PDB file of N, CA and C in Angstrom:
ATOM      1  N   UNK A   1      88.926 117.169 158.681  1.00  0.00           N
ATOM      2  CA  UNK A   1      86.760 116.939 158.208  1.00  0.00           C
ATOM      3  C   UNK A   1      85.569 117.179 158.782  1.00  0.00           C
ATOM      4  N   UNK A   2      84.723 117.921 158.410  1.00  0.00           N
ATOM      5  CA  UNK A   2      83.060 118.381 158.208  1.00  0.00           C
ATOM      6  C   UNK A   2      82.958 117.166 157.271  1.00  0.00           C
ATOM      7  N   UNK A   3      82.074 116.211 157.472  1.00  0.00           N
ATOM      8  CA  UNK A   3      81.485 115.635 156.133  1.00  0.00           C
ATOM      9  C   UNK A   3      79.786 116.278 156.210  1.00  0.00           C
ATOM     10  N   UNK A   4      79.130 115.861 154.827  1.00  0.00           N
ATOM     11  CA  UNK A   4      78.045 115.910 154.342  1.00  0.00           C
ATOM     12  C   UNK A   4      77.224 115.105 155.581  1.00  0.00           C
ATOM     13  N   UNK A   5      78.011 114.228 155.914  1.00  0.00           N
ATOM     14  CA  UNK A   5      76.838 112.327 156.446  1.00  0.00           C
ATOM     15  C   UNK A   5      77.360 113.246 158.127  1.00  0.00           C
ATOM     16  N   UNK A   6      78.926 113.980 158.282  1.00  0.00           N
ATOM     17  CA  UNK A   6      78.137 114.219 160.099  1.00  0.00           C
ATOM     18  C   UNK A   6      77.191 115.658 160.065  1.00  0.00           C
ATOM     19  N   UNK A   7      77.274 116.483 158.832  1.00  0.00           N
ATOM     20  CA  UNK A   7      76.337 117.472 159.430  1.00  0.00           C
ATOM     21  C   UNK A   7      74.915 116.886 159.547  1.00  0.00           C
ATOM     22  N   UNK A   8      74.664 116.293 158.490  1.00  0.00           N
ATOM     23  CA  UNK A   8      73.304 116.185 158.479  1.00  0.00           C
ATOM     24  C   UNK A   8      72.645 115.143 160.249  1.00  0.00           C
ATOM     25  N   UNK A   9      74.062 114.737 160.106  1.00  0.00           N
ATOM     26  CA  UNK A   9      72.860 113.026 161.430  1.00  0.00           C
ATOM     27  C   UNK A   9      73.352 114.420 162.184  1.00  0.00           C
ATOM     28  N   UNK A  10      73.992 115.503 163.115  1.00  0.00           N
ATOM     29  CA  UNK A  10      74.098 116.270 163.553  1.00  0.00           C
ATOM     30  C   UNK A  10      72.111 116.487 165.018  1.00  0.00           C
ATOM     31  N   UNK A  11      72.624 116.190 165.559  1.00  0.00           N
ATOM     32  CA  UNK A  11      70.480 116.197 166.672  1.00  0.00           C
ATOM     33  C   UNK A  11      70.885 116.859 167.539  1.00  0.00           C
ATOM     34  N   UNK A  12      69.401 117.883 167.816  1.00  0.00           N
ATOM     35  CA  UNK A  12      69.306 119.080 169.374  1.00  0.00           C
ATOM     36  C   UNK A  12      70.022 118.579 170.367  1.00  0.00           C
ATOM     37  N   UNK A  13      70.297 119.230 170.879  1.00  0.00           N
ATOM     38  CA  UNK A  13      70.689 118.746 172.635  1.00  0.00           C
ATOM     39  C   UNK A  13      69.774 120.040 173.682  1.00  0.00           C
ATOM     40  N   UNK A  14      70.024 119.643 175.304  1.00  0.00           N
ATOM     41  CA  UNK A  14      70.136 120.761 176.003  1.00  0.00           C
ATOM     42  C   UNK A  14      70.554 121.591 175.777  1.00  0.00           C
ATOM     43  N   UNK A  15      71.516 121.047 175.552  1.00  0.00           N
ATOM     44  CA  UNK A  15      72.955 122.327 175.579  1.00  0.00           C
ATOM     45  C   UNK A  15      73.472 122.769 174.066  1.00  0.00           C
ATOM     46  N   UNK A  16      73.839 124.248 174.235  1.00  0.00           N
ATOM     47  CA  UNK A  16      74.497 123.983 172.990  1.00  0.00           C
ATOM     48  C   UNK A  16      76.088 123.115 172.893  1.00  0.00           C
ATOM     49  N   UNK A  17      76.079 121.999 171.890  1.00  0.00           N
ATOM     50  CA  UNK A  17      77.359 121.695 171.265  1.00  0.00           C
ATOM     51  C   UNK A  17      78.252 121.746 170.460  1.00  0.00           C
ATOM     52  N   UNK A  18      79.736 121.418 170.225  1.00  0.00           N
ATOM     53  CA  UNK A  18      80.248 121.447 169.091  1.00  0.00           C
ATOM     54  C   UNK A  18      81.037 120.571 168.548  1.00  0.00           C
ATOM     55  N   UNK A  19      80.737 120.302 167.891  1.00  0.00           N
ATOM     56  CA  UNK A  19      81.555 119.725 166.287  1.00  0.00           C
ATOM     57  C   UNK A  19      82.398 120.023 165.653  1.00  0.00           C
ATOM     58  N   UNK A  20      83.659 119.400 165.813  1.00  0.00           N
ATOM     59  CA  UNK A  20      84.682 120.569 165.290  1.00  0.00           C
ATOM     60  C   UNK A  20      85.774 119.000 164.425  1.00  0.00           C
ATOM     61  N   UNK A  21      86.516 119.878 163.231  1.00  0.00           N
ATOM     62  CA  UNK A  21      87.736 119.716 162.644  1.00  0.00           C
ATOM     63  C   UNK A  21      88.630 119.565 162.963  1.00  0.00           C
ATOM     64  N   UNK A  22      90.004 119.438 162.628  1.00  0.00           N
ATOM     65  CA  UNK A  22      90.679 119.387 162.665  1.00  0.00           C
ATOM     66  C   UNK A  22      91.713 120.846 162.407  1.00  0.00           C
ATOM     67  N   UNK A  23      90.907 121.124 161.749  1.00  0.00           N
ATOM     68  CA  UNK A  23      92.240 123.630 161.654  1.00  0.00           C
ATOM     69  C   UNK A  23      91.115 124.015 161.338  1.00  0.00           C
ATOM     70  N   UNK A  24      90.477 124.347 162.910  1.00  0.00           N
ATOM     71  CA  UNK A  24      89.666 125.085 163.949  1.00  0.00           C
ATOM     72  C   UNK A  24      88.687 125.792 162.955  1.00  0.00           C
ATOM     73  N   UNK A  25      87.935 125.099 162.393  1.00  0.00           N
ATOM     74  CA  UNK A  25      86.139 124.815 161.918  1.00  0.00           C
ATOM     75  C   UNK A  25      85.120 123.970 162.397  1.00  0.00           C
ATOM     76  N   UNK A  26      84.804 124.113 163.523  1.00  0.00           N
ATOM     77  CA  UNK A  26      83.666 123.297 164.312  1.00  0.00           C
ATOM     78  C   UNK A  26      82.385 124.284 163.828  1.00  0.00           C
ATOM     79  N   UNK A  27      81.134 123.564 164.215  1.00  0.00           N
ATOM     80  CA  UNK A  27      79.623 123.280 163.573  1.00  0.00           C
ATOM     81  C   UNK A  27      79.102 123.489 165.492  1.00  0.00           C
ATOM     82  N   UNK A  28      78.472 124.440 165.347  1.00  0.00           N
ATOM     83  CA  UNK A  28      77.118 124.335 167.246  1.00  0.00           C
ATOM     84  C   UNK A  28      76.220 124.308 167.164  1.00  0.00           C
ATOM     85  N   UNK A  29      76.262 123.717 166.693  1.00  0.00           N
ATOM     86  CA  UNK A  29      74.246 122.746 167.563  1.00  0.00           C
ATOM     87  C   UNK A  29      73.135 122.937 168.812  1.00  0.00           C
ATOM     88  N   UNK A  30      72.966 123.638 168.277  1.00  0.00           N
ATOM     89  CA  UNK A  30      71.821 124.563 168.851  1.00  0.00           C
ATOM     90  C   UNK A  30      70.617 123.860 169.990  1.00  0.00           C
ATOM     91  N   UNK A  31      69.177 124.148 171.538  1.00  0.00           N
ATOM     92  CA  UNK A  31      69.023 123.290 171.625  1.00  0.00           C
ATOM     93  C   UNK A  31      68.238 123.162 170.017  1.00  0.00           C
ATOM     94  N   UNK A  32      67.063 124.245 169.498  1.00  0.00           N
ATOM     95  CA  UNK A  32      67.216 124.152 168.477  1.00  0.00           C
ATOM     96  C   UNK A  32      66.849 123.320 166.814  1.00  0.00           C
ATOM     97  N   UNK A  33      68.130 123.800 167.102  1.00  0.00           N
ATOM     98  CA  UNK A  33      68.540 122.331 165.726  1.00  0.00           C
ATOM     99  C   UNK A  33      69.955 123.181 164.816  1.00  0.00           C
ATOM    100  N   UNK A  34      69.287 124.715 165.486  1.00  0.00           N
ATOM    101  CA  UNK A  34      70.089 125.440 164.387  1.00  0.00           C
ATOM    102  C   UNK A  34      71.769 124.993 164.192  1.00  0.00           C
ATOM    103  N   UNK A  35      72.281 125.367 163.783  1.00  0.00           N
ATOM    104  CA  UNK A  35      73.721 124.517 163.120  1.00  0.00           C
ATOM    105  C   UNK A  35      74.163 126.110 162.416  1.00  0.00           C
ATOM    106  N   UNK A  36      75.490 126.668 163.919  1.00  0.00           N
ATOM    107  CA  UNK A  36      76.193 127.496 162.843  1.00  0.00           C
ATOM    108  C   UNK A  36      78.357 127.014 162.955  1.00  0.00           C
ATOM    109  N   UNK A  37      77.977 127.680 161.994  1.00  0.00           N
ATOM    110  CA  UNK A  37      79.948 127.384 162.448  1.00  0.00           C
ATOM    111  C   UNK A  37      80.284 128.501 162.159  1.00  0.00           C
ATOM    112  N   UNK A  38      81.537 128.119 162.283  1.00  0.00           N
ATOM    113  CA  UNK A  38      82.774 129.114 163.228  1.00  0.00           C
ATOM    114  C   UNK A  38      84.358 128.649 163.631  1.00  0.00           C
ATOM    115  N   UNK A  39      84.988 129.712 163.378  1.00  0.00           N
ATOM    116  CA  UNK A  39      86.517 129.438 162.952  1.00  0.00           C
ATOM    117  C   UNK A  39      87.420 130.027 164.396  1.00  0.00           C
ATOM    118  N   UNK A  40      87.912 129.465 164.818  1.00  0.00           N
ATOM    119  CA  UNK A  40      88.593 129.734 165.381  1.00  0.00           C
ATOM    120  C   UNK A  40      90.489 129.496 165.409  1.00  0.00           C
TER     121      UNK A  40
END
């Protein structure tokens, strides 16, 4: 499960990266700092 504290701690990187929970939901963080949520 992604918590509020985990999401607030996400920082931009040079490439898009993903932070996932156990149920298929993940947050994708872009180099500009935008966070989008996706579900697989």
